[in-house]
Amino acid sequence: MTVTMMSSVRSAAQPQVAGTFEGMLLSLIAVAVGLTIGALAGGSWRHAARAPVKNLALLLAGAACECVAAWWGSGWAGFGLVVAGFAFLLGFAASNLAITGMVLVAAGLLSNLVVIVVNGGMPVRGAPATATYGPRHHGLRPGDHLTGLADVVHVGFLGQTISAGDIVLAVGVATVIAALLQPARRGEATGSPARTRTWTS
């Protein structure tokens, strides 16, 4: 999964726009955890190579939009790229819901997207209310909505303020990667409707 999915920022005092190393840190940890769990469960890259993953073009398009948006100045064009990126990534997740953990990925993406759309960006607790950080983030404002789902959870050891959607998304990414490293179930290998991957030891 792409590491540009997260909407986290480094800290309330000095936010980092997603796309920098600090902004990608939670994604990188999720990937590392997924690889570790998958390997400990006896997984292999050859299983991942045969995984029935659909619509990779949507994943690539979403990643491209998110990467460009991360370096875009504030404005409607950049905001449009953010929303388009989330839409592509949600389309990818929705088309692969049979993969273990992909429901969590979709839920995390949708949570972040809803907050971003209704507020014109992701509110960040602790940042100045008048501050904006590219097209994706701005300081938490009195008129913002759904602030419980915004970037309000400070994680000290990461030095980041993240959202509930980021947490769900990270768990989902780790679960998907771990599951893809496992051998396919018999029904999946023979092309029958049972397409879900399960963990085996």
N, C-alpha and C. Protein backbone atom coordinates (compact mmCIF):
# COMPACT_ATOMS: atom_id res chain seq x y z
N MET A 1 0.85 -1.20 0.00
CA MET A 1 0.00 0.00 0.00
C MET A 1 0.88 1.24 0.00
N THR A 2 0.34 2.30 -0.49
CA THR A 2 1.11 3.52 -0.59
C THR A 2 1.33 4.15 0.77
N VAL A 3 2.48 4.77 0.93
CA VAL A 3 2.79 5.42 2.20
C VAL A 3 2.29 6.85 2.23
N THR A 4 1.60 7.27 1.21
CA THR A 4 1.07 8.64 1.21
C THR A 4 -0.37 8.69 1.65
N MET A 5 -0.90 7.56 2.12
CA MET A 5 -2.29 7.53 2.54
C MET A 5 -2.53 8.35 3.79
N MET A 6 -1.57 8.46 4.73
CA MET A 6 -1.79 9.04 6.04
C MET A 6 -1.93 10.55 5.98
N SER A 7 -2.75 11.09 6.88
CA SER A 7 -2.91 12.55 6.95
C SER A 7 -2.21 13.12 8.17
N SER A 8 -1.28 12.38 8.76
CA SER A 8 -0.66 12.81 10.00
C SER A 8 0.30 13.96 9.77
N VAL A 9 0.52 14.72 10.83
CA VAL A 9 1.50 15.79 10.83
C VAL A 9 2.43 15.59 12.00
N ARG A 10 3.57 16.24 11.94
CA ARG A 10 4.61 15.92 12.91
C ARG A 10 4.25 16.31 14.32
N SER A 11 3.80 17.52 14.52
CA SER A 11 3.47 17.96 15.87
C SER A 11 2.56 19.16 15.77
N ALA A 12 1.93 19.49 16.88
CA ALA A 12 1.06 20.65 16.89
C ALA A 12 1.85 21.94 16.70
N ALA A 13 3.06 21.98 17.23
CA ALA A 13 3.84 23.20 17.16
C ALA A 13 4.51 23.37 15.80
N GLN A 14 4.85 22.27 15.14
CA GLN A 14 5.56 22.35 13.87
C GLN A 14 5.05 21.26 12.94
N PRO A 15 3.83 21.44 12.38
CA PRO A 15 3.25 20.41 11.53
C PRO A 15 4.09 20.15 10.30
N GLN A 16 4.06 18.90 9.83
CA GLN A 16 4.72 18.52 8.61
C GLN A 16 3.66 18.08 7.61
N VAL A 17 3.74 18.62 6.39
CA VAL A 17 2.80 18.22 5.36
C VAL A 17 3.05 16.76 5.00
N ALA A 18 1.97 15.98 4.86
CA ALA A 18 2.12 14.58 4.48
C ALA A 18 2.90 14.49 3.19
N GLY A 19 3.80 13.53 3.12
CA GLY A 19 4.67 13.40 1.96
C GLY A 19 6.13 13.59 2.37
N THR A 20 6.42 14.29 3.48
CA THR A 20 7.75 14.35 4.04
C THR A 20 7.99 13.06 4.81
N PHE A 21 9.26 12.85 5.23
CA PHE A 21 9.58 11.64 5.96
C PHE A 21 8.75 11.53 7.23
N GLU A 22 8.62 12.66 7.95
CA GLU A 22 7.86 12.62 9.20
C GLU A 22 6.40 12.26 8.94
N GLY A 23 5.84 12.81 7.87
CA GLY A 23 4.45 12.53 7.55
C GLY A 23 4.22 11.10 7.13
N MET A 24 5.27 10.43 6.60
CA MET A 24 5.14 9.05 6.15
C MET A 24 5.49 8.04 7.22
N LEU A 25 5.96 8.50 8.38
CA LEU A 25 6.50 7.60 9.38
C LEU A 25 5.49 6.56 9.83
N LEU A 26 4.24 6.96 10.09
CA LEU A 26 3.23 6.01 10.53
C LEU A 26 2.97 4.96 9.46
N SER A 27 2.97 5.38 8.20
CA SER A 27 2.78 4.43 7.10
C SER A 27 3.94 3.43 7.04
N LEU A 28 5.15 3.94 7.20
CA LEU A 28 6.31 3.06 7.15
C LEU A 28 6.28 2.05 8.29
N ILE A 29 5.85 2.49 9.47
CA ILE A 29 5.74 1.57 10.60
C ILE A 29 4.70 0.51 10.31
N ALA A 30 3.55 0.92 9.73
CA ALA A 30 2.50 -0.05 9.41
C ALA A 30 3.00 -1.09 8.43
N VAL A 31 3.74 -0.65 7.41
CA VAL A 31 4.30 -1.59 6.43
C VAL A 31 5.27 -2.55 7.11
N ALA A 32 6.15 -2.00 7.95
CA ALA A 32 7.14 -2.84 8.63
C ALA A 32 6.48 -3.87 9.54
N VAL A 33 5.44 -3.43 10.27
CA VAL A 33 4.72 -4.36 11.15
C VAL A 33 4.06 -5.46 10.32
N GLY A 34 3.44 -5.08 9.21
CA GLY A 34 2.80 -6.08 8.36
C GLY A 34 3.78 -7.09 7.81
N LEU A 35 4.93 -6.62 7.36
CA LEU A 35 5.96 -7.53 6.85
C LEU A 35 6.47 -8.46 7.94
N THR A 36 6.65 -7.91 9.14
CA THR A 36 7.15 -8.73 10.25
C THR A 36 6.15 -9.80 10.64
N ILE A 37 4.89 -9.41 10.80
CA ILE A 37 3.86 -10.38 11.17
C ILE A 37 3.71 -11.44 10.08
N GLY A 38 3.70 -11.00 8.83
CA GLY A 38 3.57 -11.94 7.74
C GLY A 38 4.71 -12.93 7.69
N ALA A 39 5.94 -12.46 7.92
CA ALA A 39 7.10 -13.34 7.91
C ALA A 39 7.06 -14.32 9.08
N LEU A 40 6.71 -13.83 10.27
CA LEU A 40 6.64 -14.70 11.45
C LEU A 40 5.56 -15.76 11.30
N ALA A 41 4.53 -15.45 10.51
CA ALA A 41 3.45 -16.41 10.28
C ALA A 41 3.76 -17.36 9.14
N GLY A 42 4.99 -17.31 8.65
CA GLY A 42 5.40 -18.23 7.60
C GLY A 42 5.12 -17.74 6.20
N GLY A 43 4.89 -16.43 6.04
CA GLY A 43 4.56 -15.89 4.74
C GLY A 43 5.77 -15.80 3.82
N SER A 44 5.49 -15.52 2.55
CA SER A 44 6.54 -15.44 1.54
C SER A 44 6.14 -14.43 0.47
N TRP A 45 7.16 -13.81 -0.14
CA TRP A 45 6.90 -12.86 -1.22
C TRP A 45 6.25 -13.52 -2.42
N ARG A 46 6.53 -14.82 -2.62
CA ARG A 46 5.94 -15.48 -3.79
C ARG A 46 4.42 -15.57 -3.68
N HIS A 47 3.91 -15.64 -2.44
CA HIS A 47 2.46 -15.61 -2.26
C HIS A 47 1.90 -14.24 -2.60
N ALA A 48 2.60 -13.19 -2.19
CA ALA A 48 2.14 -11.84 -2.49
C ALA A 48 2.13 -11.59 -4.00
N ALA A 49 3.11 -12.16 -4.70
CA ALA A 49 3.18 -11.96 -6.15
C ALA A 49 1.98 -12.58 -6.86
N ARG A 50 1.38 -13.62 -6.25
CA ARG A 50 0.23 -14.29 -6.86
C ARG A 50 -1.10 -13.77 -6.30
N ALA A 51 -1.04 -12.76 -5.46
CA ALA A 51 -2.25 -12.27 -4.80
C ALA A 51 -3.24 -11.73 -5.82
N PRO A 52 -4.54 -12.00 -5.62
CA PRO A 52 -5.56 -11.53 -6.57
C PRO A 52 -5.93 -10.06 -6.33
N VAL A 53 -4.95 -9.19 -6.45
CA VAL A 53 -5.19 -7.77 -6.21
C VAL A 53 -5.71 -7.14 -7.50
N LYS A 54 -6.81 -6.41 -7.40
CA LYS A 54 -7.47 -5.82 -8.56
C LYS A 54 -7.21 -4.32 -8.64
N ASN A 55 -7.28 -3.80 -9.85
CA ASN A 55 -7.27 -2.36 -10.11
C ASN A 55 -6.08 -1.63 -9.49
N LEU A 56 -4.88 -2.17 -9.76
CA LEU A 56 -3.68 -1.51 -9.26
C LEU A 56 -3.52 -0.10 -9.85
N ALA A 57 -4.13 0.13 -11.01
CA ALA A 57 -4.05 1.46 -11.61
C ALA A 57 -4.67 2.52 -10.70
N LEU A 58 -5.73 2.14 -9.97
CA LEU A 58 -6.35 3.09 -9.03
C LEU A 58 -5.40 3.41 -7.89
N LEU A 59 -4.68 2.40 -7.41
CA LEU A 59 -3.71 2.62 -6.34
C LEU A 59 -2.61 3.57 -6.81
N LEU A 60 -2.10 3.34 -8.02
CA LEU A 60 -1.04 4.19 -8.55
C LEU A 60 -1.53 5.61 -8.79
N ALA A 61 -2.75 5.74 -9.30
CA ALA A 61 -3.31 7.08 -9.53
C ALA A 61 -3.51 7.81 -8.22
N GLY A 62 -4.00 7.11 -7.21
CA GLY A 62 -4.18 7.73 -5.90
C GLY A 62 -2.86 8.17 -5.29
N ALA A 63 -1.85 7.30 -5.41
CA ALA A 63 -0.54 7.64 -4.87
C ALA A 63 0.04 8.85 -5.58
N ALA A 64 -0.14 8.92 -6.91
CA ALA A 64 0.38 10.05 -7.67
C ALA A 64 -0.30 11.36 -7.25
N CYS A 65 -1.61 11.33 -7.10
CA CYS A 65 -2.33 12.53 -6.67
C CYS A 65 -1.89 12.98 -5.29
N GLU A 66 -1.74 12.04 -4.38
CA GLU A 66 -1.34 12.38 -3.02
C GLU A 66 0.08 12.94 -2.98
N CYS A 67 0.98 12.37 -3.79
CA CYS A 67 2.36 12.86 -3.81
C CYS A 67 2.43 14.29 -4.34
N VAL A 68 1.71 14.55 -5.44
CA VAL A 68 1.71 15.90 -6.01
C VAL A 68 1.06 16.89 -5.04
N ALA A 69 -0.06 16.47 -4.44
CA ALA A 69 -0.77 17.35 -3.51
C ALA A 69 0.08 17.70 -2.30
N ALA A 70 0.95 16.76 -1.88
CA ALA A 70 1.78 16.99 -0.69
C ALA A 70 2.73 18.17 -0.89
N TRP A 71 3.07 18.45 -2.13
CA TRP A 71 4.01 19.54 -2.39
C TRP A 71 3.32 20.74 -3.03
N TRP A 72 2.01 20.69 -3.13
CA TRP A 72 1.25 21.76 -3.78
C TRP A 72 0.94 22.88 -2.78
N GLY A 73 0.93 24.08 -3.25
CA GLY A 73 0.55 25.19 -2.39
C GLY A 73 -0.94 25.16 -2.10
N SER A 74 -1.36 25.89 -1.09
CA SER A 74 -2.77 25.94 -0.73
C SER A 74 -3.59 26.49 -1.90
N GLY A 75 -4.80 26.01 -2.04
CA GLY A 75 -5.67 26.44 -3.12
C GLY A 75 -6.57 25.30 -3.56
N TRP A 76 -7.55 25.63 -4.42
CA TRP A 76 -8.53 24.64 -4.82
C TRP A 76 -7.94 23.55 -5.69
N ALA A 77 -6.92 23.88 -6.48
CA ALA A 77 -6.29 22.85 -7.32
C ALA A 77 -5.64 21.78 -6.45
N GLY A 78 -4.88 22.22 -5.45
CA GLY A 78 -4.25 21.27 -4.55
C GLY A 78 -5.26 20.47 -3.76
N PHE A 79 -6.30 21.16 -3.29
CA PHE A 79 -7.35 20.47 -2.54
C PHE A 79 -8.04 19.43 -3.42
N GLY A 80 -8.27 19.78 -4.69
CA GLY A 80 -8.88 18.83 -5.61
C GLY A 80 -8.02 17.60 -5.80
N LEU A 81 -6.70 17.78 -5.84
CA LEU A 81 -5.80 16.64 -5.95
C LEU A 81 -5.88 15.74 -4.72
N VAL A 82 -5.98 16.34 -3.54
CA VAL A 82 -6.11 15.56 -2.31
C VAL A 82 -7.37 14.70 -2.37
N VAL A 83 -8.50 15.32 -2.70
CA VAL A 83 -9.77 14.60 -2.75
C VAL A 83 -9.73 13.52 -3.83
N ALA A 84 -9.17 13.84 -5.00
CA ALA A 84 -9.07 12.86 -6.08
C ALA A 84 -8.21 11.69 -5.65
N GLY A 85 -7.11 11.98 -4.95
CA GLY A 85 -6.25 10.90 -4.47
C GLY A 85 -6.98 9.95 -3.54
N PHE A 86 -7.73 10.52 -2.60
CA PHE A 86 -8.51 9.69 -1.69
C PHE A 86 -9.56 8.88 -2.45
N ALA A 87 -10.18 9.50 -3.45
CA ALA A 87 -11.22 8.80 -4.22
C ALA A 87 -10.63 7.60 -4.96
N PHE A 88 -9.47 7.78 -5.57
CA PHE A 88 -8.81 6.67 -6.26
C PHE A 88 -8.44 5.56 -5.27
N LEU A 89 -7.88 5.94 -4.13
CA LEU A 89 -7.47 4.95 -3.14
C LEU A 89 -8.67 4.21 -2.57
N LEU A 90 -9.77 4.93 -2.36
CA LEU A 90 -10.99 4.28 -1.89
C LEU A 90 -11.52 3.31 -2.95
N GLY A 91 -11.44 3.69 -4.21
CA GLY A 91 -11.86 2.79 -5.28
C GLY A 91 -11.03 1.52 -5.29
N PHE A 92 -9.73 1.66 -5.10
CA PHE A 92 -8.86 0.49 -5.03
C PHE A 92 -9.24 -0.39 -3.86
N ALA A 93 -9.42 0.21 -2.69
CA ALA A 93 -9.76 -0.57 -1.50
C ALA A 93 -11.11 -1.26 -1.67
N ALA A 94 -12.09 -0.55 -2.23
CA ALA A 94 -13.42 -1.12 -2.40
C ALA A 94 -13.42 -2.30 -3.35
N SER A 95 -12.55 -2.26 -4.35
CA SER A 95 -12.50 -3.37 -5.31
C SER A 95 -11.72 -4.57 -4.79
N ASN A 96 -11.11 -4.42 -3.61
CA ASN A 96 -10.32 -5.52 -3.03
C ASN A 96 -10.76 -5.85 -1.61
N LEU A 97 -12.03 -5.64 -1.31
CA LEU A 97 -12.52 -5.88 0.05
C LEU A 97 -12.39 -7.33 0.48
N ALA A 98 -12.26 -8.25 -0.46
CA ALA A 98 -12.12 -9.66 -0.11
C ALA A 98 -10.78 -9.96 0.56
N ILE A 99 -9.81 -9.07 0.40
CA ILE A 99 -8.50 -9.27 1.02
C ILE A 99 -8.59 -8.90 2.50
N THR A 100 -8.08 -9.75 3.34
CA THR A 100 -8.14 -9.53 4.78
C THR A 100 -7.51 -8.18 5.15
N GLY A 101 -8.24 -7.36 5.88
CA GLY A 101 -7.75 -6.07 6.33
C GLY A 101 -8.13 -4.90 5.44
N MET A 102 -8.60 -5.18 4.22
CA MET A 102 -8.90 -4.08 3.30
C MET A 102 -10.12 -3.28 3.75
N VAL A 103 -11.01 -3.89 4.50
CA VAL A 103 -12.15 -3.14 5.04
C VAL A 103 -11.66 -2.04 5.97
N LEU A 104 -10.65 -2.33 6.76
CA LEU A 104 -10.08 -1.33 7.66
C LEU A 104 -9.41 -0.21 6.87
N VAL A 105 -8.72 -0.58 5.80
CA VAL A 105 -8.10 0.44 4.94
C VAL A 105 -9.17 1.38 4.39
N ALA A 106 -10.25 0.80 3.89
CA ALA A 106 -11.34 1.62 3.33
C ALA A 106 -11.97 2.51 4.39
N ALA A 107 -12.17 1.96 5.59
CA ALA A 107 -12.78 2.73 6.67
C ALA A 107 -11.89 3.90 7.08
N GLY A 108 -10.59 3.67 7.20
CA GLY A 108 -9.68 4.74 7.56
C GLY A 108 -9.61 5.83 6.52
N LEU A 109 -9.56 5.43 5.25
CA LEU A 109 -9.55 6.40 4.17
C LEU A 109 -10.83 7.24 4.15
N LEU A 110 -11.97 6.55 4.29
CA LEU A 110 -13.25 7.25 4.24
C LEU A 110 -13.39 8.23 5.40
N SER A 111 -12.95 7.82 6.59
CA SER A 111 -13.02 8.71 7.75
C SER A 111 -12.23 9.99 7.50
N ASN A 112 -10.99 9.84 7.01
CA ASN A 112 -10.17 11.02 6.75
C ASN A 112 -10.75 11.88 5.63
N LEU A 113 -11.26 11.22 4.58
CA LEU A 113 -11.80 11.97 3.45
C LEU A 113 -13.01 12.81 3.86
N VAL A 114 -13.90 12.24 4.66
CA VAL A 114 -15.09 12.98 5.09
C VAL A 114 -14.69 14.23 5.87
N VAL A 115 -13.75 14.07 6.80
CA VAL A 115 -13.31 15.23 7.60
C VAL A 115 -12.67 16.29 6.70
N ILE A 116 -11.86 15.86 5.76
CA ILE A 116 -11.18 16.80 4.86
C ILE A 116 -12.18 17.55 4.00
N VAL A 117 -13.18 16.84 3.47
CA VAL A 117 -14.15 17.46 2.57
C VAL A 117 -15.01 18.48 3.32
N VAL A 118 -15.52 18.10 4.50
CA VAL A 118 -16.45 19.00 5.20
C VAL A 118 -15.74 20.23 5.78
N ASN A 119 -14.41 20.13 5.97
CA ASN A 119 -13.68 21.24 6.57
C ASN A 119 -12.73 21.94 5.60
N GLY A 120 -12.70 21.50 4.36
CA GLY A 120 -11.76 22.08 3.42
C GLY A 120 -10.32 21.77 3.76
N GLY A 121 -10.09 20.66 4.43
CA GLY A 121 -8.76 20.24 4.87
C GLY A 121 -8.87 19.54 6.22
N MET A 122 -7.78 18.91 6.64
CA MET A 122 -7.77 18.20 7.92
C MET A 122 -7.38 19.14 9.06
N PRO A 123 -8.28 19.39 10.01
CA PRO A 123 -7.92 20.24 11.15
C PRO A 123 -6.88 19.57 12.04
N VAL A 124 -5.96 20.37 12.56
CA VAL A 124 -4.89 19.87 13.41
C VAL A 124 -4.96 20.55 14.77
N ARG A 125 -5.19 19.77 15.81
CA ARG A 125 -5.27 20.34 17.16
C ARG A 125 -3.90 20.88 17.58
N GLY A 126 -3.91 22.07 18.16
CA GLY A 126 -2.68 22.67 18.67
C GLY A 126 -2.01 23.62 17.70
N ALA A 127 -2.31 23.49 16.42
CA ALA A 127 -1.75 24.42 15.44
C ALA A 127 -2.57 25.71 15.45
N PRO A 128 -1.97 26.85 15.10
CA PRO A 128 -2.73 28.10 15.07
C PRO A 128 -3.94 27.99 14.16
N ALA A 129 -5.05 28.54 14.60
CA ALA A 129 -6.30 28.41 13.84
C ALA A 129 -6.20 29.05 12.46
N THR A 130 -5.32 30.01 12.30
CA THR A 130 -5.19 30.71 11.02
C THR A 130 -4.16 30.05 10.11
N ALA A 131 -3.48 29.04 10.60
CA ALA A 131 -2.39 28.44 9.84
C ALA A 131 -2.91 27.40 8.85
N THR A 132 -2.29 27.34 7.69
CA THR A 132 -2.56 26.29 6.71
C THR A 132 -1.24 25.65 6.33
N TYR A 133 -1.29 24.37 6.02
CA TYR A 133 -0.10 23.61 5.67
C TYR A 133 -0.38 22.85 4.38
N GLY A 134 -0.18 23.55 3.25
CA GLY A 134 -0.51 22.95 1.98
C GLY A 134 -2.03 22.81 1.86
N PRO A 135 -2.49 22.02 0.89
CA PRO A 135 -3.93 21.89 0.68
C PRO A 135 -4.60 20.91 1.63
N ARG A 136 -3.82 20.19 2.44
CA ARG A 136 -4.39 19.11 3.23
C ARG A 136 -4.69 19.49 4.67
N HIS A 137 -3.84 20.27 5.32
CA HIS A 137 -3.96 20.54 6.75
C HIS A 137 -4.18 22.01 7.05
N HIS A 138 -4.87 22.27 8.16
CA HIS A 138 -4.95 23.61 8.72
C HIS A 138 -5.18 23.50 10.22
N GLY A 139 -4.88 24.59 10.92
CA GLY A 139 -5.10 24.59 12.35
C GLY A 139 -6.56 24.41 12.71
N LEU A 140 -6.82 23.76 13.83
CA LEU A 140 -8.19 23.53 14.28
C LEU A 140 -8.89 24.85 14.52
N ARG A 141 -10.07 25.04 13.88
CA ARG A 141 -10.81 26.29 13.94
C ARG A 141 -12.12 26.09 14.70
N PRO A 142 -12.65 27.14 15.29
CA PRO A 142 -13.91 27.01 16.04
C PRO A 142 -15.05 26.46 15.21
N GLY A 143 -15.09 26.74 13.92
CA GLY A 143 -16.20 26.30 13.09
C GLY A 143 -16.00 24.95 12.43
N ASP A 144 -14.91 24.26 12.72
CA ASP A 144 -14.66 22.96 12.09
C ASP A 144 -15.64 21.91 12.60
N HIS A 145 -15.92 20.94 11.76
CA HIS A 145 -16.88 19.88 12.08
C HIS A 145 -16.15 18.53 12.21
N LEU A 146 -16.81 17.59 12.90
CA LEU A 146 -16.29 16.24 13.08
C LEU A 146 -14.86 16.26 13.62
N THR A 147 -14.61 17.17 14.55
CA THR A 147 -13.25 17.35 15.04
C THR A 147 -12.73 16.14 15.83
N GLY A 148 -13.63 15.31 16.31
CA GLY A 148 -13.18 14.10 16.99
C GLY A 148 -12.47 13.15 16.06
N LEU A 149 -12.72 13.29 14.75
CA LEU A 149 -12.08 12.43 13.75
C LEU A 149 -10.92 13.14 13.06
N ALA A 150 -10.62 14.38 13.49
CA ALA A 150 -9.53 15.14 12.89
C ALA A 150 -8.20 14.72 13.50
N ASP A 151 -7.13 15.44 13.16
CA ASP A 151 -5.80 15.16 13.73
C ASP A 151 -5.74 15.72 15.14
N VAL A 152 -6.20 14.94 16.10
CA VAL A 152 -6.29 15.39 17.48
C VAL A 152 -5.60 14.43 18.45
N VAL A 153 -5.05 13.33 17.94
CA VAL A 153 -4.41 12.34 18.80
C VAL A 153 -2.90 12.51 18.69
N HIS A 154 -2.29 13.03 19.77
CA HIS A 154 -0.85 13.23 19.73
C HIS A 154 -0.13 11.95 20.18
N VAL A 155 0.78 11.50 19.34
CA VAL A 155 1.56 10.30 19.63
C VAL A 155 2.99 10.74 19.89
N GLY A 156 3.36 10.77 21.17
CA GLY A 156 4.64 11.34 21.56
C GLY A 156 5.84 10.67 20.94
N PHE A 157 5.87 9.33 20.91
CA PHE A 157 7.08 8.65 20.43
C PHE A 157 7.24 8.81 18.91
N LEU A 158 6.16 9.16 18.22
CA LEU A 158 6.26 9.45 16.79
C LEU A 158 6.50 10.93 16.54
N GLY A 159 6.17 11.76 17.53
CA GLY A 159 6.25 13.20 17.32
C GLY A 159 5.22 13.68 16.33
N GLN A 160 4.05 13.00 16.29
CA GLN A 160 3.02 13.32 15.31
C GLN A 160 1.67 13.48 15.99
N THR A 161 0.81 14.27 15.35
CA THR A 161 -0.59 14.35 15.74
C THR A 161 -1.38 13.71 14.61
N ILE A 162 -2.14 12.66 14.92
CA ILE A 162 -2.81 11.87 13.90
C ILE A 162 -4.30 11.80 14.18
N SER A 163 -5.03 11.22 13.25
CA SER A 163 -6.47 11.09 13.39
C SER A 163 -6.86 9.65 13.70
N ALA A 164 -8.11 9.47 14.10
CA ALA A 164 -8.62 8.12 14.31
C ALA A 164 -8.57 7.34 13.01
N GLY A 165 -8.85 8.02 11.89
CA GLY A 165 -8.78 7.36 10.60
C GLY A 165 -7.38 6.86 10.29
N ASP A 166 -6.35 7.64 10.68
CA ASP A 166 -4.97 7.21 10.47
C ASP A 166 -4.68 5.92 11.23
N ILE A 167 -5.19 5.83 12.45
CA ILE A 167 -4.95 4.64 13.27
C ILE A 167 -5.60 3.42 12.62
N VAL A 168 -6.86 3.55 12.22
CA VAL A 168 -7.55 2.45 11.57
C VAL A 168 -6.85 2.08 10.27
N LEU A 169 -6.44 3.08 9.53
CA LEU A 169 -5.75 2.85 8.26
C LEU A 169 -4.44 2.11 8.46
N ALA A 170 -3.67 2.51 9.46
CA ALA A 170 -2.39 1.87 9.74
C ALA A 170 -2.59 0.40 10.09
N VAL A 171 -3.58 0.12 10.94
CA VAL A 171 -3.87 -1.28 11.29
C VAL A 171 -4.28 -2.05 10.04
N GLY A 172 -5.08 -1.42 9.20
CA GLY A 172 -5.51 -2.07 7.97
C GLY A 172 -4.37 -2.37 7.03
N VAL A 173 -3.47 -1.41 6.84
CA VAL A 173 -2.32 -1.61 5.95
C VAL A 173 -1.46 -2.77 6.45
N ALA A 174 -1.17 -2.78 7.76
CA ALA A 174 -0.37 -3.86 8.33
C ALA A 174 -1.05 -5.22 8.13
N THR A 175 -2.36 -5.26 8.32
CA THR A 175 -3.11 -6.51 8.19
C THR A 175 -3.12 -6.99 6.74
N VAL A 176 -3.34 -6.07 5.80
CA VAL A 176 -3.35 -6.43 4.38
C VAL A 176 -2.00 -7.01 3.97
N ILE A 177 -0.92 -6.35 4.34
CA ILE A 177 0.40 -6.82 3.94
C ILE A 177 0.69 -8.19 4.54
N ALA A 178 0.38 -8.36 5.82
CA ALA A 178 0.60 -9.66 6.45
C ALA A 178 -0.22 -10.75 5.77
N ALA A 179 -1.46 -10.43 5.43
CA ALA A 179 -2.34 -11.41 4.79
C ALA A 179 -1.86 -11.78 3.39
N LEU A 180 -1.37 -10.79 2.64
CA LEU A 180 -0.93 -11.06 1.27
C LEU A 180 0.31 -11.95 1.23
N LEU A 181 1.07 -11.97 2.30
CA LEU A 181 2.26 -12.82 2.34
C LEU A 181 1.92 -14.28 2.61
N GLN A 182 0.68 -14.55 2.97
CA GLN A 182 0.27 -15.91 3.30
C GLN A 182 -0.22 -16.65 2.06
N PRO A 183 -0.13 -17.98 2.06
CA PRO A 183 -0.63 -18.75 0.91
C PRO A 183 -2.13 -18.59 0.75
N ALA A 184 -2.59 -18.62 -0.49
CA ALA A 184 -4.02 -18.50 -0.76
C ALA A 184 -4.75 -19.73 -0.27
N ARG A 185 -6.01 -19.54 0.10
CA ARG A 185 -6.84 -20.67 0.44
C ARG A 185 -7.10 -21.50 -0.82
N ARG A 186 -7.49 -22.74 -0.64
CA ARG A 186 -7.69 -23.63 -1.77
C ARG A 186 -8.70 -23.08 -2.76
N GLY A 187 -9.80 -22.52 -2.27
CA GLY A 187 -10.82 -21.98 -3.15
C GLY A 187 -10.28 -20.85 -4.00
N GLU A 188 -9.39 -20.05 -3.42
CA GLU A 188 -8.81 -18.94 -4.16
C GLU A 188 -7.89 -19.45 -5.25
N ALA A 189 -7.11 -20.49 -4.94
CA ALA A 189 -6.16 -21.01 -5.90
C ALA A 189 -6.85 -21.67 -7.08
N THR A 190 -8.02 -22.24 -6.87
CA THR A 190 -8.72 -22.94 -7.95
C THR A 190 -9.69 -22.04 -8.68
N GLY A 191 -9.76 -20.75 -8.28
CA GLY A 191 -10.58 -19.79 -8.99
C GLY A 191 -12.04 -19.79 -8.59
N SER A 192 -12.40 -20.43 -7.47
CA SER A 192 -13.78 -20.42 -7.01
C SER A 192 -14.06 -19.09 -6.34
N PRO A 193 -15.34 -18.79 -6.00
CA PRO A 193 -15.69 -17.48 -5.44
C PRO A 193 -14.99 -17.13 -4.14
N ALA A 194 -14.53 -18.10 -3.36
CA ALA A 194 -13.88 -17.79 -2.09
C ALA A 194 -12.53 -17.17 -2.36
N ARG A 195 -12.42 -15.87 -2.18
CA ARG A 195 -11.22 -15.13 -2.57
C ARG A 195 -10.45 -14.58 -1.38
N THR A 196 -10.95 -14.78 -0.18
CA THR A 196 -10.34 -14.14 0.98
C THR A 196 -9.06 -14.85 1.39
N ARG A 197 -8.02 -14.06 1.69
CA ARG A 197 -6.78 -14.64 2.19
C ARG A 197 -6.87 -14.76 3.70
N THR A 198 -6.33 -15.83 4.24
CA THR A 198 -6.30 -16.01 5.68
C THR A 198 -4.87 -16.25 6.10
N TRP A 199 -4.59 -16.03 7.38
CA TRP A 199 -3.26 -16.27 7.90
C TRP A 199 -3.13 -17.72 8.29
N THR A 200 -2.03 -18.32 7.91
CA THR A 200 -1.76 -19.70 8.31
C THR A 200 -0.36 -19.75 8.89
N SER A 201 -0.15 -20.66 9.79
CA SER A 201 1.18 -20.77 10.41
C SER A 201 1.91 -21.95 9.83
